[in-house]
Amino acid sequence: MNTRISLYRSLLASGIAFCALFANTAAEGQGTLVDRRDQAEGWYLPVHGQVLIDGEKATNYQLVLYKDNVELSKLEGDKRGRFELELDIDANYTVRVNKEGYQEKMIHIETKLPKDLVRYPDYACTLSLQKEASTNIDPFYTDFPSAIIRYNEELGGFYHSEHYLTHIQTKLSGFANASF
């Protein structure tokens, strides 16, 4: 009987030591189990969004998600104006936000990452809806996304193109066509 108890204690101690070693290894080097994206499936970019109107949380809006120009789904906005998406890595997405009486807001997200990158931050964005277009806006520009988001290696995360954003917002505000 003592031999069984001694064997059981020995096995239990070995099991605890193994678990402690595994937990320590996983905590210290997350990259030890997966150090390249091609070693696992299901990599995605978490997107956390907020839709606002005049600085307040928007309600009763519809979000349409496209992957490579194919519609994937339509979602109704929640009461807090928030949305959450999980976008596959190495794909192109378009997110359209529609609300009656307001200009459509569209963003383009490229989820391509460097092949050896396994840790990257979520992308958080705020989309502000504006009243329907005024007569000073060139309708040509309403078909373009208001932002283009892609991974920026220098900054280590997903960011929108400042140059593009400034240009398209100027066009959508009607300043480019205003006659003086």
C-alpha atoms as a PDB file:
ATOM      1  CA  MET A   1       0.000   0.000   0.000  1.00  0.00           C
ATOM      2  CA  ASN A   2       2.825   2.421   0.880  1.00  0.00           C
ATOM      3  CA  THR A   3       4.442   1.683  -2.491  1.00  0.00           C
ATOM      4  CA  ARG A   4       1.252   2.740  -4.305  1.00  0.00           C
ATOM      5  CA  ILE A   5       0.979   5.962  -2.302  1.00  0.00           C
ATOM      6  CA  SER A   6       4.647   6.709  -2.897  1.00  0.00           C
ATOM      7  CA  LEU A   7       4.256   6.022  -6.637  1.00  0.00           C
ATOM      8  CA  TYR A   8       1.108   8.170  -6.776  1.00  0.00           C
ATOM      9  CA  ARG A   9       2.878  11.067  -5.020  1.00  0.00           C
ATOM     10  CA  SER A  10       5.836  10.750  -7.358  1.00  0.00           C
ATOM     11  CA  LEU A  11       3.585  10.831 -10.429  1.00  0.00           C
ATOM     12  CA  LEU A  12       1.627  13.756  -9.007  1.00  0.00           C
ATOM     13  CA  ALA A  13       4.821  15.715  -8.324  1.00  0.00           C
ATOM     14  CA  SER A  14       6.082  15.001 -11.852  1.00  0.00           C
ATOM     15  CA  GLY A  15       2.760  16.125 -13.332  1.00  0.00           C
ATOM     16  CA  ILE A  16       2.786  19.370 -11.340  1.00  0.00           C
ATOM     17  CA  ALA A  17       6.387  20.057 -12.376  1.00  0.00           C
ATOM     18  CA  PHE A  18       5.518  19.436 -16.035  1.00  0.00           C
ATOM     19  CA  CYS A  19       2.493  21.762 -15.845  1.00  0.00           C
ATOM     20  CA  ALA A  20       4.576  24.475 -14.177  1.00  0.00           C
ATOM     21  CA  LEU A  21       7.287  24.120 -16.809  1.00  0.00           C
ATOM     22  CA  PHE A  22       4.726  24.271 -19.656  1.00  0.00           C
ATOM     23  CA  ALA A  23       2.951  27.315 -18.161  1.00  0.00           C
ATOM     24  CA  ASN A  24       6.282  29.109 -17.670  1.00  0.00           C
ATOM     25  CA  THR A  25       7.383  28.345 -21.248  1.00  0.00           C
ATOM     26  CA  ALA A  26       4.073  29.538 -22.683  1.00  0.00           C
ATOM     27  CA  ALA A  27       4.105  32.719 -20.599  1.00  0.00           C
ATOM     28  CA  GLU A  28       7.721  33.620 -21.393  1.00  0.00           C
ATOM     29  CA  GLY A  29       7.729  32.964 -25.109  1.00  0.00           C
ATOM     30  CA  GLN A  30       4.379  32.953 -26.778  1.00  0.00           C
ATOM     31  CA  GLY A  31       6.188  32.411 -30.064  1.00  0.00           C
ATOM     32  CA  THR A  32       7.544  29.016 -28.987  1.00  0.00           C
ATOM     33  CA  LEU A  33       4.354  27.158 -29.910  1.00  0.00           C
ATOM     34  CA  VAL A  34       3.641  29.146 -33.082  1.00  0.00           C
ATOM     35  CA  ASP A  35       6.346  31.344 -34.512  1.00  0.00           C
ATOM     36  CA  ARG A  36       4.995  31.672 -38.058  1.00  0.00           C
ATOM     37  CA  ARG A  37       1.436  32.271 -39.262  1.00  0.00           C
ATOM     38  CA  ASP A  38       1.582  29.288 -41.631  1.00  0.00           C
ATOM     39  CA  GLN A  39       1.878  26.993 -38.571  1.00  0.00           C
ATOM     40  CA  ALA A  40      -1.733  27.608 -37.558  1.00  0.00           C
ATOM     41  CA  GLU A  41      -5.067  28.423 -39.128  1.00  0.00           C
ATOM     42  CA  GLY A  42      -7.663  30.956 -38.133  1.00  0.00           C
ATOM     43  CA  TRP A  43      -5.530  34.099 -37.908  1.00  0.00           C
ATOM     44  CA  TYR A  44      -7.681  37.193 -37.925  1.00  0.00           C
ATOM     45  CA  LEU A  45      -7.633  40.904 -37.207  1.00  0.00           C
ATOM     46  CA  PRO A  46     -10.022  41.992 -34.455  1.00  0.00           C
ATOM     47  CA  VAL A  47     -11.698  45.303 -35.393  1.00  0.00           C
ATOM     48  CA  HIS A  48     -13.475  47.349 -32.732  1.00  0.00           C
ATOM     49  CA  GLY A  49     -15.629  50.108 -34.188  1.00  0.00           C
ATOM     50  CA  GLN A  50     -17.741  52.982 -32.917  1.00  0.00           C
ATOM     51  CA  VAL A  51     -20.286  54.852 -35.071  1.00  0.00           C
ATOM     52  CA  LEU A  52     -21.062  58.435 -34.056  1.00  0.00           C
ATOM     53  CA  ILE A  53     -23.359  61.253 -35.168  1.00  0.00           C
ATOM     54  CA  ASP A  54     -22.370  64.706 -33.935  1.00  0.00           C
ATOM     55  CA  GLY A  55     -20.183  63.086 -31.276  1.00  0.00           C
ATOM     56  CA  GLU A  56     -23.037  60.926 -29.923  1.00  0.00           C
ATOM     57  CA  LYS A  57     -23.478  57.166 -30.248  1.00  0.00           C
ATOM     58  CA  ALA A  58     -25.371  56.302 -33.441  1.00  0.00           C
ATOM     59  CA  THR A  59     -28.291  53.883 -33.423  1.00  0.00           C
ATOM     60  CA  ASN A  60     -30.424  52.288 -36.149  1.00  0.00           C
ATOM     61  CA  TYR A  61     -27.624  52.019 -38.671  1.00  0.00           C
ATOM     62  CA  GLN A  62     -26.724  49.072 -40.873  1.00  0.00           C
ATOM     63  CA  LEU A  63     -23.219  47.738 -41.387  1.00  0.00           C
ATOM     64  CA  VAL A  64     -22.460  45.785 -44.584  1.00  0.00           C
ATOM     65  CA  LEU A  65     -19.241  43.752 -44.736  1.00  0.00           C
ATOM     66  CA  TYR A  66     -17.551  42.769 -48.016  1.00  0.00           C
ATOM     67  CA  LYS A  67     -14.532  40.521 -48.523  1.00  0.00           C
ATOM     68  CA  ASP A  68     -12.785  40.927 -51.872  1.00  0.00           C
ATOM     69  CA  ASN A  69     -15.884  42.803 -53.155  1.00  0.00           C
ATOM     70  CA  VAL A  70     -18.264  39.966 -52.248  1.00  0.00           C
ATOM     71  CA  GLU A  71     -20.923  40.770 -49.647  1.00  0.00           C
ATOM     72  CA  LEU A  72     -20.480  38.617 -46.553  1.00  0.00           C
ATOM     73  CA  SER A  73     -23.098  39.936 -44.175  1.00  0.00           C
ATOM     74  CA  LYS A  74     -25.359  42.756 -43.046  1.00  0.00           C
ATOM     75  CA  LEU A  75     -25.434  43.669 -39.379  1.00  0.00           C
ATOM     76  CA  GLU A  76     -27.703  46.025 -37.497  1.00  0.00           C
ATOM     77  CA  GLY A  77     -25.922  48.506 -35.234  1.00  0.00           C
ATOM     78  CA  ASP A  78     -26.301  48.082 -31.506  1.00  0.00           C
ATOM     79  CA  LYS A  79     -27.699  50.655 -29.050  1.00  0.00           C
ATOM     80  CA  ARG A  80     -24.191  51.796 -28.113  1.00  0.00           C
ATOM     81  CA  GLY A  81     -23.105  52.442 -31.706  1.00  0.00           C
ATOM     82  CA  ARG A  82     -20.438  49.759 -31.502  1.00  0.00           C
ATOM     83  CA  PHE A  83     -19.482  46.880 -33.749  1.00  0.00           C
ATOM     84  CA  GLU A  84     -16.928  44.067 -33.567  1.00  0.00           C
ATOM     85  CA  LEU A  85     -15.443  42.255 -36.571  1.00  0.00           C
ATOM     86  CA  GLU A  86     -12.933  39.439 -37.006  1.00  0.00           C
ATOM     87  CA  LEU A  87     -11.300  39.814 -40.419  1.00  0.00           C
ATOM     88  CA  ASP A  88      -9.180  37.053 -41.975  1.00  0.00           C
ATOM     89  CA  ILE A  89      -5.520  37.912 -42.446  1.00  0.00           C
ATOM     90  CA  ASP A  90      -4.211  38.562 -45.978  1.00  0.00           C
ATOM     91  CA  ALA A  91      -7.552  39.699 -47.420  1.00  0.00           C
ATOM     92  CA  ASN A  92      -9.277  42.919 -48.494  1.00  0.00           C
ATOM     93  CA  TYR A  93     -12.434  44.115 -46.775  1.00  0.00           C
ATOM     94  CA  THR A  94     -14.849  46.960 -47.262  1.00  0.00           C
ATOM     95  CA  VAL A  95     -17.094  48.068 -44.425  1.00  0.00           C
ATOM     96  CA  ARG A  96     -20.115  50.217 -45.329  1.00  0.00           C
ATOM     97  CA  VAL A  97     -22.234  52.000 -42.742  1.00  0.00           C
ATOM     98  CA  ASN A  98     -25.682  53.191 -43.821  1.00  0.00           C
ATOM     99  CA  LYS A  99     -28.279  55.226 -41.960  1.00  0.00           C
ATOM    100  CA  GLU A 100     -31.268  56.934 -43.507  1.00  0.00           C
ATOM    101  CA  GLY A 101     -30.746  60.688 -43.872  1.00  0.00           C
ATOM    102  CA  TYR A 102     -26.941  60.387 -43.624  1.00  0.00           C
ATOM    103  CA  GLN A 103     -24.103  59.957 -46.089  1.00  0.00           C
ATOM    104  CA  GLU A 104     -22.880  56.417 -46.424  1.00  0.00           C
ATOM    105  CA  LYS A 105     -19.525  55.871 -44.709  1.00  0.00           C
ATOM    106  CA  MET A 106     -17.187  53.319 -46.249  1.00  0.00           C
ATOM    107  CA  ILE A 107     -13.727  52.169 -45.177  1.00  0.00           C
ATOM    108  CA  HIS A 108     -11.341  49.743 -46.852  1.00  0.00           C
ATOM    109  CA  ILE A 109      -9.187  47.452 -44.685  1.00  0.00           C
ATOM    110  CA  GLU A 110      -6.257  45.486 -46.095  1.00  0.00           C
ATOM    111  CA  THR A 111      -5.294  42.787 -43.578  1.00  0.00           C
ATOM    112  CA  LYS A 112      -1.995  41.757 -45.188  1.00  0.00           C
ATOM    113  CA  LEU A 113       0.807  41.315 -42.663  1.00  0.00           C
ATOM    114  CA  PRO A 114       4.509  40.473 -42.917  1.00  0.00           C
ATOM    115  CA  LYS A 115       4.759  36.653 -43.098  1.00  0.00           C
ATOM    116  CA  ASP A 116       6.820  36.288 -39.903  1.00  0.00           C
ATOM    117  CA  LEU A 117       4.569  38.534 -37.793  1.00  0.00           C
ATOM    118  CA  VAL A 118       2.484  36.599 -35.258  1.00  0.00           C
ATOM    119  CA  ARG A 119       1.722  39.335 -32.715  1.00  0.00           C
ATOM    120  CA  TYR A 120      -0.073  42.491 -33.779  1.00  0.00           C
ATOM    121  CA  PRO A 121      -2.566  44.866 -32.152  1.00  0.00           C
ATOM    122  CA  ASP A 122      -6.316  44.997 -32.756  1.00  0.00           C
ATOM    123  CA  TYR A 123      -7.602  47.827 -34.920  1.00  0.00           C
ATOM    124  CA  ALA A 124      -9.952  50.356 -33.309  1.00  0.00           C
ATOM    125  CA  CYS A 125     -11.810  52.950 -35.337  1.00  0.00           C
ATOM    126  CA  THR A 126     -14.469  55.618 -35.024  1.00  0.00           C
ATOM    127  CA  LEU A 127     -16.758  56.409 -37.948  1.00  0.00           C
ATOM    128  CA  SER A 128     -18.628  59.712 -37.865  1.00  0.00           C
ATOM    129  CA  LEU A 129     -21.756  59.939 -39.988  1.00  0.00           C
ATOM    130  CA  GLN A 130     -22.746  63.240 -41.598  1.00  0.00           C
ATOM    131  CA  LYS A 131     -26.088  64.500 -42.897  1.00  0.00           C
ATOM    132  CA  GLU A 132     -26.876  63.736 -46.548  1.00  0.00           C
ATOM    133  CA  ALA A 133     -24.593  65.336 -49.123  1.00  0.00           C
ATOM    134  CA  SER A 134     -24.850  69.029 -49.866  1.00  0.00           C
ATOM    135  CA  THR A 135     -24.969  70.360 -53.424  1.00  0.00           C
ATOM    136  CA  ASN A 136     -21.288  71.412 -53.275  1.00  0.00           C
ATOM    137  CA  ILE A 137     -20.027  67.822 -53.214  1.00  0.00           C
ATOM    138  CA  ASP A 138     -18.736  66.188 -56.368  1.00  0.00           C
ATOM    139  CA  PRO A 139     -20.730  62.901 -56.515  1.00  0.00           C
ATOM    140  CA  PHE A 140     -17.705  61.182 -58.097  1.00  0.00           C
ATOM    141  CA  TYR A 141     -15.992  61.043 -54.685  1.00  0.00           C
ATOM    142  CA  THR A 142     -18.930  59.518 -52.792  1.00  0.00           C
ATOM    143  CA  ASP A 143     -18.087  56.102 -54.271  1.00  0.00           C
ATOM    144  CA  PHE A 144     -14.632  56.073 -52.656  1.00  0.00           C
ATOM    145  CA  PRO A 145     -13.873  54.802 -49.148  1.00  0.00           C
ATOM    146  CA  SER A 146     -13.409  57.557 -46.594  1.00  0.00           C
ATOM    147  CA  ALA A 147     -10.349  55.730 -45.233  1.00  0.00           C
ATOM    148  CA  ILE A 148      -7.887  53.070 -46.368  1.00  0.00           C
ATOM    149  CA  ILE A 149      -6.417  51.061 -43.502  1.00  0.00           C
ATOM    150  CA  ARG A 150      -3.383  48.783 -43.762  1.00  0.00           C
ATOM    151  CA  TYR A 151      -0.552  47.491 -41.594  1.00  0.00           C
ATOM    152  CA  ASN A 152       2.249  50.016 -41.071  1.00  0.00           C
ATOM    153  CA  GLU A 153       5.541  48.292 -40.199  1.00  0.00           C
ATOM    154  CA  GLU A 154       7.127  51.502 -38.869  1.00  0.00           C
ATOM    155  CA  LEU A 155       4.274  52.101 -36.427  1.00  0.00           C
ATOM    156  CA  GLY A 156       3.693  48.402 -35.648  1.00  0.00           C
ATOM    157  CA  GLY A 157      -0.054  48.347 -36.216  1.00  0.00           C
ATOM    158  CA  PHE A 158      -2.978  49.041 -38.517  1.00  0.00           C
ATOM    159  CA  TYR A 159      -3.405  52.699 -39.446  1.00  0.00           C
ATOM    160  CA  HIS A 160      -5.251  54.736 -42.035  1.00  0.00           C
ATOM    161  CA  SER A 161      -3.456  56.723 -44.721  1.00  0.00           C
ATOM    162  CA  GLU A 162      -3.428  60.324 -43.453  1.00  0.00           C
ATOM    163  CA  HIS A 163      -2.810  61.732 -46.932  1.00  0.00           C
ATOM    164  CA  TYR A 164      -5.738  59.837 -48.460  1.00  0.00           C
ATOM    165  CA  LEU A 165      -8.045  60.650 -45.540  1.00  0.00           C
ATOM    166  CA  THR A 166      -7.327  64.392 -45.760  1.00  0.00           C
ATOM    167  CA  HIS A 167      -7.813  64.410 -49.541  1.00  0.00           C
ATOM    168  CA  ILE A 168     -11.101  62.478 -49.563  1.00  0.00           C
ATOM    169  CA  GLN A 169     -12.562  64.415 -46.612  1.00  0.00           C
ATOM    170  CA  THR A 170     -11.820  67.678 -48.409  1.00  0.00           C
ATOM    171  CA  LYS A 171     -13.639  66.395 -51.497  1.00  0.00           C
ATOM    172  CA  LEU A 172     -16.605  65.083 -49.481  1.00  0.00           C
ATOM    173  CA  SER A 173     -16.922  68.315 -47.531  1.00  0.00           C
ATOM    174  CA  GLY A 174     -17.607  70.242 -50.713  1.00  0.00           C
ATOM    175  CA  PHE A 175     -14.664  72.614 -50.316  1.00  0.00           C
ATOM    176  CA  ALA A 176     -13.069  71.551 -53.596  1.00  0.00           C
ATOM    177  CA  ASN A 177     -16.117  72.554 -55.640  1.00  0.00           C
ATOM    178  CA  ALA A 178     -17.261  75.597 -53.702  1.00  0.00           C
ATOM    179  CA  SER A 179     -17.529  78.599 -56.001  1.00  0.00           C
ATOM    180  CA  PHE A 180     -16.246  81.886 -54.676  1.00  0.00           C
END
